[in-house]
C-alpha cells in the first residue's frame, strides 16, 4: 500500500509542479503556450491570405464597374436597350442572416466581410453576364435592326411635292390657338401623294376615324420603334402585314381633325413620341429616294390600294 501511496503522491506533486511552472511561464514571464503561439501563427497566415483576397476583390470590383459603365453607356444604348437599374445591379440578399454562422468565429469581422463581398461580386457578375448575353443576342440581329429603324422620310423629298408645315414640339394649336405639344411632323401636300413606310416592320393597326388622326396606319418596327402615318386619303395595307422600307402604304389626304391636306408623321420609341427629324435625312435626293422605292417595289409584292378601304365616310 505504501508504494501506491507514494506513486499517488508523486503524481499529484507532478501535476501541481506542472501547473506551477505553467503559471510562472504565463503570468510571471508573460510568455504564451506553444499551442497558442501555433494557433496565432496560423490565424495570422489566414488573415494575410484574406487581406490579399480583399485586394484582389478590389481589383475585380473596379474591373466590373468599368464593364457596367460601358455596358449601360455604350453597348445597351447602341441597341436601344434600357440601362439596368442600380437596384438590380446592387441588390443584396434579403431574408434570414445567411452569415450568422460566422459571427461566433469571426470576432474582427474580416471573414464575414470577405464572404459578403464575394457573394455580392458573384451576383453582380451574374447580372452583368446576363446583360452581355442580351446584347450579344441583339448584335446578331444588328443588320435587321438597321433596316427596321425609321431612317428615311415618309415622302419623296422633292420640294415641289411637300413643305414642312409643322415641326415636333410645342406650337399654337390651329383650332384653339392654345399652346399644345405636337407629337410629330406635318408634311403639307396635295391629297393622293404616295406615303412610304420608313423602316421594315409589321402593320400593328389600321384605323378609319372621322376625328382625331382620321385614317391612320401604325407600324411596329421592333427594337422599341413604331411609326404613325395619319390623315391619309387611302390605305394600302392591312393589320398583321409585313412591310419593307420604301413600300407604299397609302396616299396622303385630309381625313380626321385636319386644317388642310397633309401627312402627320410620328416616331415613337418605347411608347413615347420622339422628334422624327432626328431619324430621317431630308438631304437625300429625290432621284436616290425614287431608286430606293423602285428597288423595294421590285423586291416585294406590289401593294395595291384595297377597294374595301374606300368606303363612304372613310376616305
C-alpha atoms as a PDB file:
ATOM      1  CA  UNK A   1       0.000   0.000   0.000  1.00  0.00           C
ATOM      2  CA  UNK A   2       2.917   2.306   0.727  1.00  0.00           C
ATOM      3  CA  UNK A   3       4.069   2.076  -2.918  1.00  0.00           C
ATOM      4  CA  UNK A   4       0.582   3.001  -4.085  1.00  0.00           C
ATOM      5  CA  UNK A   5       0.556   5.999  -1.760  1.00  0.00           C
ATOM      6  CA  UNK A   6       3.988   7.100  -2.926  1.00  0.00           C
ATOM      7  CA  UNK A   7       3.022   6.831  -6.583  1.00  0.00           C
ATOM      8  CA  UNK A   8      -0.176   8.756  -5.999  1.00  0.00           C
ATOM      9  CA  UNK A   9       1.736  11.394  -4.108  1.00  0.00           C
ATOM     10  CA  UNK A  10       4.317  11.737  -6.866  1.00  0.00           C
ATOM     11  CA  UNK A  11       1.528  12.011  -9.473  1.00  0.00           C
ATOM     12  CA  UNK A  12      -0.216  14.768  -7.538  1.00  0.00           C
ATOM     13  CA  UNK A  13       3.054  16.603  -6.911  1.00  0.00           C
ATOM     14  CA  UNK A  14       3.942  16.420 -10.618  1.00  0.00           C
ATOM     15  CA  UNK A  15       0.581  17.884 -11.589  1.00  0.00           C
ATOM     16  CA  UNK A  16       0.972  20.667  -9.041  1.00  0.00           C
ATOM     17  CA  UNK A  17       4.509  21.433 -10.210  1.00  0.00           C
ATOM     18  CA  UNK A  18       3.369  21.426 -13.851  1.00  0.00           C
ATOM     19  CA  UNK A  19       0.630  23.875 -13.012  1.00  0.00           C
ATOM     20  CA  UNK A  20       3.073  25.995 -11.015  1.00  0.00           C
ATOM     21  CA  UNK A  21       5.585  26.124 -13.842  1.00  0.00           C
ATOM     22  CA  UNK A  22       2.751  26.937 -16.348  1.00  0.00           C
ATOM     23  CA  UNK A  23       1.677  29.793 -14.083  1.00  0.00           C
ATOM     24  CA  UNK A  24       5.275  31.095 -13.898  1.00  0.00           C
ATOM     25  CA  UNK A  25       5.599  30.746 -17.710  1.00  0.00           C
ATOM     26  CA  UNK A  26       2.395  32.588 -18.480  1.00  0.00           C
ATOM     27  CA  UNK A  27       1.737  35.001 -15.614  1.00  0.00           C
ATOM     28  CA  UNK A  28       5.202  35.873 -14.357  1.00  0.00           C
ATOM     29  CA  UNK A  29       7.293  35.676 -17.534  1.00  0.00           C
ATOM     30  CA  UNK A  30       4.379  36.794 -19.792  1.00  0.00           C
ATOM     31  CA  UNK A  31       5.005  34.088 -22.319  1.00  0.00           C
ATOM     32  CA  UNK A  32       2.323  32.222 -24.312  1.00  0.00           C
ATOM     33  CA  UNK A  33       1.877  28.476 -24.527  1.00  0.00           C
ATOM     34  CA  UNK A  34       3.266  26.806 -27.668  1.00  0.00           C
ATOM     35  CA  UNK A  35      -0.210  25.766 -28.836  1.00  0.00           C
ATOM     36  CA  UNK A  36      -1.454  29.337 -28.534  1.00  0.00           C
ATOM     37  CA  UNK A  37       1.558  30.561 -30.475  1.00  0.00           C
ATOM     38  CA  UNK A  38       0.868  27.987 -33.190  1.00  0.00           C
ATOM     39  CA  UNK A  39      -2.804  28.997 -33.435  1.00  0.00           C
ATOM     40  CA  UNK A  40      -1.899  32.672 -33.594  1.00  0.00           C
ATOM     41  CA  UNK A  41       0.609  31.961 -36.333  1.00  0.00           C
ATOM     42  CA  UNK A  42      -2.000  30.078 -38.348  1.00  0.00           C
ATOM     43  CA  UNK A  43      -4.541  32.859 -37.734  1.00  0.00           C
ATOM     44  CA  UNK A  44      -2.061  35.488 -38.928  1.00  0.00           C
ATOM     45  CA  UNK A  45      -1.438  33.471 -42.080  1.00  0.00           C
ATOM     46  CA  UNK A  46      -5.158  33.206 -42.808  1.00  0.00           C
ATOM     47  CA  UNK A  47      -5.658  36.921 -42.134  1.00  0.00           C
ATOM     48  CA  UNK A  48      -2.871  37.681 -44.597  1.00  0.00           C
ATOM     49  CA  UNK A  49      -4.497  35.443 -47.186  1.00  0.00           C
ATOM     50  CA  UNK A  50      -7.858  37.177 -46.725  1.00  0.00           C
ATOM     51  CA  UNK A  51      -6.227  40.600 -46.991  1.00  0.00           C
ATOM     52  CA  UNK A  52      -4.687  39.510 -50.278  1.00  0.00           C
ATOM     53  CA  UNK A  53      -8.105  38.188 -51.351  1.00  0.00           C
ATOM     54  CA  UNK A  54      -9.738  41.519 -50.474  1.00  0.00           C
ATOM     55  CA  UNK A  55      -7.139  43.387 -52.543  1.00  0.00           C
ATOM     56  CA  UNK A  56      -7.980  41.102 -55.445  1.00  0.00           C
ATOM     57  CA  UNK A  57     -11.688  41.743 -54.824  1.00  0.00           C
ATOM     58  CA  UNK A  58     -10.972  45.489 -55.027  1.00  0.00           C
ATOM     59  CA  UNK A  59      -9.413  44.954 -58.463  1.00  0.00           C
ATOM     60  CA  UNK A  60     -12.291  42.753 -59.609  1.00  0.00           C
ATOM     61  CA  UNK A  61     -14.871  45.295 -58.420  1.00  0.00           C
ATOM     62  CA  UNK A  62     -13.095  48.109 -60.286  1.00  0.00           C
ATOM     63  CA  UNK A  63     -12.972  45.990 -63.458  1.00  0.00           C
ATOM     64  CA  UNK A  64     -16.641  45.029 -63.111  1.00  0.00           C
ATOM     65  CA  UNK A  65     -17.659  48.655 -62.526  1.00  0.00           C
ATOM     66  CA  UNK A  66     -15.861  49.622 -65.733  1.00  0.00           C
ATOM     67  CA  UNK A  67     -17.723  46.883 -67.607  1.00  0.00           C
ATOM     68  CA  UNK A  68     -21.031  48.068 -66.156  1.00  0.00           C
ATOM     69  CA  UNK A  69     -20.377  51.664 -67.254  1.00  0.00           C
ATOM     70  CA  UNK A  70     -19.512  50.589 -70.794  1.00  0.00           C
ATOM     71  CA  UNK A  71     -22.480  48.232 -70.858  1.00  0.00           C
ATOM     72  CA  UNK A  72     -25.029  50.906 -69.875  1.00  0.00           C
ATOM     73  CA  UNK A  73     -23.369  53.818 -71.655  1.00  0.00           C
ATOM     74  CA  UNK A  74     -22.365  52.148 -74.918  1.00  0.00           C
ATOM     75  CA  UNK A  75     -23.426  48.566 -75.587  1.00  0.00           C
ATOM     76  CA  UNK A  76     -27.037  48.724 -74.397  1.00  0.00           C
ATOM     77  CA  UNK A  77     -27.648  52.241 -75.741  1.00  0.00           C
ATOM     78  CA  UNK A  78     -26.465  51.229 -79.225  1.00  0.00           C
ATOM     79  CA  UNK A  79     -29.258  48.686 -79.448  1.00  0.00           C
ATOM     80  CA  UNK A  80     -31.882  50.884 -77.772  1.00  0.00           C
ATOM     81  CA  UNK A  81     -31.883  48.884 -74.543  1.00  0.00           C
ATOM     82  CA  UNK A  82     -32.637  50.411 -71.157  1.00  0.00           C
ATOM     83  CA  UNK A  83     -29.892  50.684 -68.582  1.00  0.00           C
ATOM     84  CA  UNK A  84     -30.006  48.033 -65.874  1.00  0.00           C
ATOM     85  CA  UNK A  85     -31.406  49.767 -62.741  1.00  0.00           C
ATOM     86  CA  UNK A  86     -28.902  50.221 -59.922  1.00  0.00           C
ATOM     87  CA  UNK A  87     -31.250  48.452 -57.521  1.00  0.00           C
ATOM     88  CA  UNK A  88     -30.956  45.359 -59.723  1.00  0.00           C
ATOM     89  CA  UNK A  89     -27.180  45.552 -60.066  1.00  0.00           C
ATOM     90  CA  UNK A  90     -26.666  46.259 -56.356  1.00  0.00           C
ATOM     91  CA  UNK A  91     -29.435  44.117 -54.886  1.00  0.00           C
ATOM     92  CA  UNK A  92     -28.478  42.490 -51.604  1.00  0.00           C
ATOM     93  CA  UNK A  93     -29.520  39.238 -50.043  1.00  0.00           C
ATOM     94  CA  UNK A  94     -32.742  39.693 -48.115  1.00  0.00           C
ATOM     95  CA  UNK A  95     -34.371  37.381 -45.617  1.00  0.00           C
ATOM     96  CA  UNK A  96     -32.519  35.480 -42.885  1.00  0.00           C
ATOM     97  CA  UNK A  97     -28.942  36.294 -41.878  1.00  0.00           C
ATOM     98  CA  UNK A  98     -27.001  33.893 -44.085  1.00  0.00           C
ATOM     99  CA  UNK A  99     -23.746  34.803 -42.329  1.00  0.00           C
ATOM    100  CA  UNK A 100     -24.877  34.106 -38.757  1.00  0.00           C
ATOM    101  CA  UNK A 101     -22.565  31.083 -38.511  1.00  0.00           C
ATOM    102  CA  UNK A 102     -19.563  33.399 -38.919  1.00  0.00           C
ATOM    103  CA  UNK A 103     -20.456  35.727 -36.052  1.00  0.00           C
ATOM    104  CA  UNK A 104     -19.223  33.265 -33.381  1.00  0.00           C
ATOM    105  CA  UNK A 105     -15.854  32.547 -35.018  1.00  0.00           C
ATOM    106  CA  UNK A 106     -15.049  35.922 -36.545  1.00  0.00           C
ATOM    107  CA  UNK A 107     -14.504  38.487 -33.799  1.00  0.00           C
ATOM    108  CA  UNK A 108     -12.919  41.132 -36.051  1.00  0.00           C
ATOM    109  CA  UNK A 109     -15.422  40.620 -38.878  1.00  0.00           C
ATOM    110  CA  UNK A 110     -12.759  40.104 -41.552  1.00  0.00           C
ATOM    111  CA  UNK A 111     -14.004  36.684 -42.624  1.00  0.00           C
ATOM    112  CA  UNK A 112     -17.651  37.792 -42.695  1.00  0.00           C
ATOM    113  CA  UNK A 113     -16.841  40.951 -44.657  1.00  0.00           C
ATOM    114  CA  UNK A 114     -14.871  38.931 -47.207  1.00  0.00           C
ATOM    115  CA  UNK A 115     -17.698  36.421 -47.588  1.00  0.00           C
ATOM    116  CA  UNK A 116     -20.247  39.229 -48.094  1.00  0.00           C
ATOM    117  CA  UNK A 117     -18.089  40.956 -50.708  1.00  0.00           C
ATOM    118  CA  UNK A 118     -17.510  37.700 -52.567  1.00  0.00           C
ATOM    119  CA  UNK A 119     -21.237  36.915 -52.681  1.00  0.00           C
ATOM    120  CA  UNK A 120     -22.154  40.434 -53.879  1.00  0.00           C
ATOM    121  CA  UNK A 121     -19.447  40.347 -56.535  1.00  0.00           C
ATOM    122  CA  UNK A 122     -20.675  36.941 -57.689  1.00  0.00           C
ATOM    123  CA  UNK A 123     -24.231  38.248 -58.040  1.00  0.00           C
ATOM    124  CA  UNK A 124     -23.124  41.410 -59.874  1.00  0.00           C
ATOM    125  CA  UNK A 125     -21.067  39.273 -62.231  1.00  0.00           C
ATOM    126  CA  UNK A 126     -24.106  37.111 -62.951  1.00  0.00           C
ATOM    127  CA  UNK A 127     -26.251  40.180 -63.707  1.00  0.00           C
ATOM    128  CA  UNK A 128     -23.543  41.545 -65.990  1.00  0.00           C
ATOM    129  CA  UNK A 129     -23.170  38.198 -67.733  1.00  0.00           C
ATOM    130  CA  UNK A 130     -26.908  38.090 -68.439  1.00  0.00           C
ATOM    131  CA  UNK A 131     -26.742  41.625 -69.819  1.00  0.00           C
ATOM    132  CA  UNK A 132     -23.920  40.686 -72.190  1.00  0.00           C
ATOM    133  CA  UNK A 133     -25.964  37.681 -73.314  1.00  0.00           C
ATOM    134  CA  UNK A 134     -28.838  40.035 -74.201  1.00  0.00           C
ATOM    135  CA  UNK A 135     -26.509  42.419 -76.050  1.00  0.00           C
ATOM    136  CA  UNK A 136     -24.898  39.528 -77.923  1.00  0.00           C
ATOM    137  CA  UNK A 137     -28.315  38.249 -78.958  1.00  0.00           C
ATOM    138  CA  UNK A 138     -29.297  41.663 -80.310  1.00  0.00           C
ATOM    139  CA  UNK A 139     -25.937  42.148 -82.024  1.00  0.00           C
ATOM    140  CA  UNK A 140     -26.664  39.066 -84.120  1.00  0.00           C
ATOM    141  CA  UNK A 141     -29.713  40.947 -85.394  1.00  0.00           C
ATOM    142  CA  UNK A 142     -27.858  44.217 -85.995  1.00  0.00           C
ATOM    143  CA  UNK A 143     -28.467  44.018 -89.722  1.00  0.00           C
ATOM    144  CA  UNK A 144     -32.176  43.520 -89.167  1.00  0.00           C
ATOM    145  CA  UNK A 145     -32.210  46.417 -86.707  1.00  0.00           C
ATOM    146  CA  UNK A 146     -30.542  48.754 -89.205  1.00  0.00           C
ATOM    147  CA  UNK A 147     -33.359  48.103 -91.685  1.00  0.00           C
ATOM    148  CA  UNK A 148     -36.061  48.461 -89.037  1.00  0.00           C
ATOM    149  CA  UNK A 149     -35.113  51.841 -87.608  1.00  0.00           C
ATOM    150  CA  UNK A 150     -37.270  54.558 -89.310  1.00  0.00           C
ATOM    151  CA  UNK A 151     -34.384  56.254 -91.120  1.00  0.00           C
ATOM    152  CA  UNK A 152     -35.945  57.783 -94.277  1.00  0.00           C
ATOM    153  CA  UNK A 153     -38.633  60.421 -94.905  1.00  0.00           C
ATOM    154  CA  UNK A 154     -42.165  59.056 -95.404  1.00  0.00           C
ATOM    155  CA  UNK A 155     -42.482  61.062 -98.637  1.00  0.00           C
ATOM    156  CA  UNK A 156     -40.224  61.705-101.587  1.00  0.00           C
ATOM    157  CA  UNK A 157     -38.074  64.692-100.520  1.00  0.00           C
ATOM    158  CA  UNK A 158     -38.889  66.648-103.672  1.00  0.00           C
ATOM    159  CA  UNK A 159     -39.513  70.298-102.638  1.00  0.00           C
ATOM    160  CA  UNK A 160     -42.192  70.571-105.288  1.00  0.00           C
ATOM    161  CA  UNK A 161     -44.225  67.818-103.585  1.00  0.00           C
ATOM    162  CA  UNK A 162     -44.402  68.984 -99.962  1.00  0.00           C
ATOM    163  CA  UNK A 163     -43.405  71.529 -97.356  1.00  0.00           C
ATOM    164  CA  UNK A 164     -42.806  71.011 -93.645  1.00  0.00           C
ATOM    165  CA  UNK A 165     -45.773  72.857 -92.188  1.00  0.00           C
ATOM    166  CA  UNK A 166     -45.328  71.914 -88.522  1.00  0.00           C
ATOM    167  CA  UNK A 167     -42.384  70.551 -86.559  1.00  0.00           C
ATOM    168  CA  UNK A 168     -42.121  68.456 -83.404  1.00  0.00           C
ATOM    169  CA  UNK A 169     -42.711  70.190 -80.075  1.00  0.00           C
ATOM    170  CA  UNK A 170     -44.992  72.861 -78.668  1.00  0.00           C
ATOM    171  CA  UNK A 171     -46.942  75.021 -81.086  1.00  0.00           C
ATOM    172  CA  UNK A 172     -50.121  77.054 -81.316  1.00  0.00           C
ATOM    173  CA  UNK A 173     -53.000  74.661 -81.958  1.00  0.00           C
ATOM    174  CA  UNK A 174     -54.531  75.534 -85.370  1.00  0.00           C
ATOM    175  CA  UNK A 175     -58.055  75.079 -83.981  1.00  0.00           C
ATOM    176  CA  UNK A 176     -57.897  76.506 -80.449  1.00  0.00           C
ATOM    177  CA  UNK A 177     -54.879  78.809 -80.670  1.00  0.00           C
ATOM    178  CA  UNK A 178     -53.584  77.418 -77.368  1.00  0.00           C
ATOM    179  CA  UNK A 179     -50.057  76.112 -76.893  1.00  0.00           C
ATOM    180  CA  UNK A 180     -50.051  72.355 -77.327  1.00  0.00           C
ATOM    181  CA  UNK A 181     -47.391  69.722 -77.836  1.00  0.00           C
ATOM    182  CA  UNK A 182     -47.213  68.427 -81.390  1.00  0.00           C
ATOM    183  CA  UNK A 183     -46.031  64.799 -81.284  1.00  0.00           C
ATOM    184  CA  UNK A 184     -44.849  64.519 -84.876  1.00  0.00           C
ATOM    185  CA  UNK A 185     -44.052  66.486 -88.020  1.00  0.00           C
ATOM    186  CA  UNK A 186     -46.510  67.581 -90.712  1.00  0.00           C
ATOM    187  CA  UNK A 187     -45.802  67.348 -94.434  1.00  0.00           C
ATOM    188  CA  UNK A 188     -48.243  69.661 -96.219  1.00  0.00           C
ATOM    189  CA  UNK A 189     -49.058  68.294 -99.681  1.00  0.00           C
ATOM    190  CA  UNK A 190     -51.902  67.694-102.079  1.00  0.00           C
ATOM    191  CA  UNK A 191     -54.094  64.621-101.448  1.00  0.00           C
ATOM    192  CA  UNK A 192     -53.118  61.482-103.332  1.00  0.00           C
ATOM    193  CA  UNK A 193     -49.336  61.578-102.934  1.00  0.00           C
ATOM    194  CA  UNK A 194     -47.832  58.159-102.091  1.00  0.00           C
ATOM    195  CA  UNK A 195     -46.739  57.595 -98.492  1.00  0.00           C
ATOM    196  CA  UNK A 196     -43.875  55.183 -97.842  1.00  0.00           C
ATOM    197  CA  UNK A 197     -43.032  53.188 -94.727  1.00  0.00           C
ATOM    198  CA  UNK A 198     -39.765  54.402 -93.215  1.00  0.00           C
ATOM    199  CA  UNK A 199     -38.419  51.064 -91.931  1.00  0.00           C
ATOM    200  CA  UNK A 200     -39.102  47.345 -92.049  1.00  0.00           C
ATOM    201  CA  UNK A 201     -41.880  46.265 -89.746  1.00  0.00           C
ATOM    202  CA  UNK A 202     -45.356  44.869 -89.249  1.00  0.00           C
ATOM    203  CA  UNK A 203     -48.628  46.773 -89.517  1.00  0.00           C
ATOM    204  CA  UNK A 204     -49.894  46.927 -85.939  1.00  0.00           C
ATOM    205  CA  UNK A 205     -53.148  48.776 -86.603  1.00  0.00           C
ATOM    206  CA  UNK A 206     -55.173  50.444 -89.334  1.00  0.00           C
ATOM    207  CA  UNK A 207     -57.895  52.874 -88.222  1.00  0.00           C
ATOM    208  CA  UNK A 208     -60.510  54.875 -90.064  1.00  0.00           C
ATOM    209  CA  UNK A 209     -61.893  57.725 -87.940  1.00  0.00           C
ATOM    210  CA  UNK A 210     -63.923  60.872 -88.596  1.00  0.00           C
ATOM    211  CA  UNK A 211     -61.972  62.848 -85.997  1.00  0.00           C
ATOM    212  CA  UNK A 212     -58.503  62.811 -84.461  1.00  0.00           C
ATOM    213  CA  UNK A 213     -55.919  61.263 -86.759  1.00  0.00           C
ATOM    214  CA  UNK A 214     -58.513  60.242 -89.322  1.00  0.00           C
ATOM    215  CA  UNK A 215     -57.335  57.365 -91.470  1.00  0.00           C
ATOM    216  CA  UNK A 216     -54.082  56.196 -89.940  1.00  0.00           C
ATOM    217  CA  UNK A 217     -51.546  53.362 -90.009  1.00  0.00           C
ATOM    218  CA  UNK A 218     -49.337  52.309 -87.088  1.00  0.00           C
ATOM    219  CA  UNK A 219     -46.227  50.264 -87.921  1.00  0.00           C
ATOM    220  CA  UNK A 220     -44.314  48.249 -85.320  1.00  0.00           C
ATOM    221  CA  UNK A 221     -40.640  48.108 -86.336  1.00  0.00           C
ATOM    222  CA  UNK A 222     -39.445  46.158 -83.316  1.00  0.00           C
ATOM    223  CA  UNK A 223     -36.468  47.187 -81.152  1.00  0.00           C
ATOM    224  CA  UNK A 224     -38.778  49.657 -79.381  1.00  0.00           C
ATOM    225  CA  UNK A 225     -39.695  51.672 -82.516  1.00  0.00           C
ATOM    226  CA  UNK A 226     -43.121  52.426 -84.001  1.00  0.00           C
ATOM    227  CA  UNK A 227     -44.259  54.957 -86.613  1.00  0.00           C
ATOM    228  CA  UNK A 228     -47.675  56.524 -87.255  1.00  0.00           C
ATOM    229  CA  UNK A 229     -48.956  57.891 -90.592  1.00  0.00           C
ATOM    230  CA  UNK A 230     -52.153  59.928 -90.164  1.00  0.00           C
ATOM    231  CA  UNK A 231     -54.822  61.923 -92.062  1.00  0.00           C
ATOM    232  CA  UNK A 232     -54.486  59.575 -95.043  1.00  0.00           C
ATOM    233  CA  UNK A 233     -56.817  59.566 -98.019  1.00  0.00           C
ATOM    234  CA  UNK A 234     -56.448  55.840 -98.652  1.00  0.00           C
ATOM    235  CA  UNK A 235     -54.687  52.905 -97.016  1.00  0.00           C
ATOM    236  CA  UNK A 236     -52.920  50.104 -98.878  1.00  0.00           C
ATOM    237  CA  UNK A 237     -52.071  47.739 -96.039  1.00  0.00           C
ATOM    238  CA  UNK A 238     -53.913  45.603 -93.502  1.00  0.00           C
ATOM    239  CA  UNK A 239     -53.162  44.702 -89.900  1.00  0.00           C
ATOM    240  CA  UNK A 240     -50.533  41.999 -89.493  1.00  0.00           C
ATOM    241  CA  UNK A 241     -48.990  42.682 -92.887  1.00  0.00           C
ATOM    242  CA  UNK A 242     -45.177  42.741 -93.143  1.00  0.00           C
ATOM    243  CA  UNK A 243     -43.783  45.803 -94.894  1.00  0.00           C
ATOM    244  CA  UNK A 244     -40.351  46.814 -96.151  1.00  0.00           C
ATOM    245  CA  UNK A 245     -38.710  50.219 -96.007  1.00  0.00           C
ATOM    246  CA  UNK A 246     -39.770  52.196 -99.052  1.00  0.00           C
ATOM    247  CA  UNK A 247     -43.053  50.325 -99.644  1.00  0.00           C
ATOM    248  CA  UNK A 248     -46.135  52.415-100.353  1.00  0.00           C
ATOM    249  CA  UNK A 249     -48.692  52.084 -97.557  1.00  0.00           C
ATOM    250  CA  UNK A 250     -51.261  54.635 -98.677  1.00  0.00           C
ATOM    251  CA  UNK A 251     -51.974  58.105-100.015  1.00  0.00           C
ATOM    252  CA  UNK A 252     -51.817  61.482 -98.330  1.00  0.00           C
ATOM    253  CA  UNK A 253     -55.125  63.113 -97.541  1.00  0.00           C
ATOM    254  CA  UNK A 254     -57.106  65.388 -95.261  1.00  0.00           C
ATOM    255  CA  UNK A 255     -59.116  62.988 -93.100  1.00  0.00           C
ATOM    256  CA  UNK A 256     -59.871  63.436 -89.405  1.00  0.00           C
ATOM    257  CA  UNK A 257     -59.209  66.645 -87.472  1.00  0.00           C
ATOM    258  CA  UNK A 258     -57.111  68.422 -90.049  1.00  0.00           C
ATOM    259  CA  UNK A 259     -56.737  72.077 -91.030  1.00  0.00           C
ATOM    260  CA  UNK A 260     -55.588  71.170 -94.534  1.00  0.00           C
ATOM    261  CA  UNK A 261     -54.215  68.329 -96.682  1.00  0.00           C
ATOM    262  CA  UNK A 262     -51.100  66.938 -95.062  1.00  0.00           C
ATOM    263  CA  UNK A 263     -49.382  63.866 -93.645  1.00  0.00           C
ATOM    264  CA  UNK A 264     -48.898  63.726 -89.895  1.00  0.00           C
ATOM    265  CA  UNK A 265     -45.875  61.505 -89.225  1.00  0.00           C
ATOM    266  CA  UNK A 266     -44.771  60.258 -85.796  1.00  0.00           C
ATOM    267  CA  UNK A 267     -41.866  58.210 -84.465  1.00  0.00           C
ATOM    268  CA  UNK A 268     -42.438  56.506 -81.127  1.00  0.00           C
ATOM    269  CA  UNK A 269     -39.632  54.933 -79.129  1.00  0.00           C
ATOM    270  CA  UNK A 270     -40.666  52.659 -76.284  1.00  0.00           C
ATOM    271  CA  UNK A 271     -44.123  54.195 -76.307  1.00  0.00           C
ATOM    272  CA  UNK A 272     -43.036  57.849 -76.170  1.00  0.00           C
ATOM    273  CA  UNK A 273     -43.073  60.268 -79.142  1.00  0.00           C
ATOM    274  CA  UNK A 274     -39.608  61.433 -80.240  1.00  0.00           C
ATOM    275  CA  UNK A 275     -38.586  64.002 -82.817  1.00  0.00           C
ATOM    276  CA  UNK A 276     -38.777  62.346 -86.265  1.00  0.00           C
ATOM    277  CA  UNK A 277     -36.259  64.904 -87.586  1.00  0.00           C
ATOM    278  CA  UNK A 278     -33.587  63.083 -85.576  1.00  0.00           C
ATOM    279  CA  UNK A 279     -34.165  59.965 -87.679  1.00  0.00           C
ATOM    280  CA  UNK A 280     -34.842  60.851 -91.298  1.00  0.00           C
ATOM    281  CA  UNK A 281     -32.424  62.606 -93.635  1.00  0.00           C
ATOM    282  CA  UNK A 282     -34.076  65.161 -95.899  1.00  0.00           C
ATOM    283  CA  UNK A 283     -30.804  65.706 -97.771  1.00  0.00           C
ATOM    284  CA  UNK A 284     -31.381  62.508 -99.750  1.00  0.00           C
ATOM    285  CA  UNK A 285     -32.050  63.466-103.355  1.00  0.00           C
ATOM    286  CA  UNK A 286     -35.433  62.774-104.974  1.00  0.00           C
ATOM    287  CA  UNK A 287     -33.639  60.566-107.517  1.00  0.00           C
ATOM    288  CA  UNK A 288     -31.975  58.475-104.800  1.00  0.00           C
ATOM    289  CA  UNK A 289     -35.284  58.184-102.984  1.00  0.00           C
ATOM    290  CA  UNK A 290     -37.112  57.125-106.150  1.00  0.00           C
ATOM    291  CA  UNK A 291     -34.444  54.494-106.873  1.00  0.00           C
ATOM    292  CA  UNK A 292     -34.793  53.077-103.354  1.00  0.00           C
ATOM    293  CA  UNK A 293     -38.570  52.935-103.679  1.00  0.00           C
ATOM    294  CA  UNK A 294     -38.304  51.203-107.046  1.00  0.00           C
ATOM    295  CA  UNK A 295     -35.801  48.661-105.728  1.00  0.00           C
ATOM    296  CA  UNK A 296     -38.082  47.910-102.798  1.00  0.00           C
ATOM    297  CA  UNK A 297     -41.058  47.507-105.121  1.00  0.00           C
ATOM    298  CA  UNK A 298     -39.085  45.148-107.346  1.00  0.00           C
ATOM    299  CA  UNK A 299     -38.090  43.002-104.364  1.00  0.00           C
ATOM    300  CA  UNK A 300     -41.514  42.953-102.719  1.00  0.00           C
ATOM    301  CA  UNK A 301     -45.015  42.046-103.667  1.00  0.00           C
ATOM    302  CA  UNK A 302     -46.675  45.058-105.259  1.00  0.00           C
ATOM    303  CA  UNK A 303     -49.082  46.807-102.894  1.00  0.00           C
ATOM    304  CA  UNK A 304     -52.393  47.986-104.295  1.00  0.00           C
ATOM    305  CA  UNK A 305     -54.971  50.089-102.571  1.00  0.00           C
ATOM    306  CA  UNK A 306     -57.718  47.821-101.251  1.00  0.00           C
ATOM    307  CA  UNK A 307     -61.164  48.769-102.575  1.00  0.00           C
ATOM    308  CA  UNK A 308     -62.624  47.722 -99.218  1.00  0.00           C
ATOM    309  CA  UNK A 309     -60.848  50.704 -97.665  1.00  0.00           C
ATOM    310  CA  UNK A 310     -62.594  53.180 -99.945  1.00  0.00           C
ATOM    311  CA  UNK A 311     -65.910  53.080 -98.141  1.00  0.00           C
ATOM    312  CA  UNK A 312     -68.048  56.138 -97.968  1.00  0.00           C
ATOM    313  CA  UNK A 313     -67.250  58.297 -94.988  1.00  0.00           C
ATOM    314  CA  UNK A 314     -63.811  56.731 -94.511  1.00  0.00           C
ATOM    315  CA  UNK A 315     -61.738  58.039 -97.368  1.00  0.00           C
END
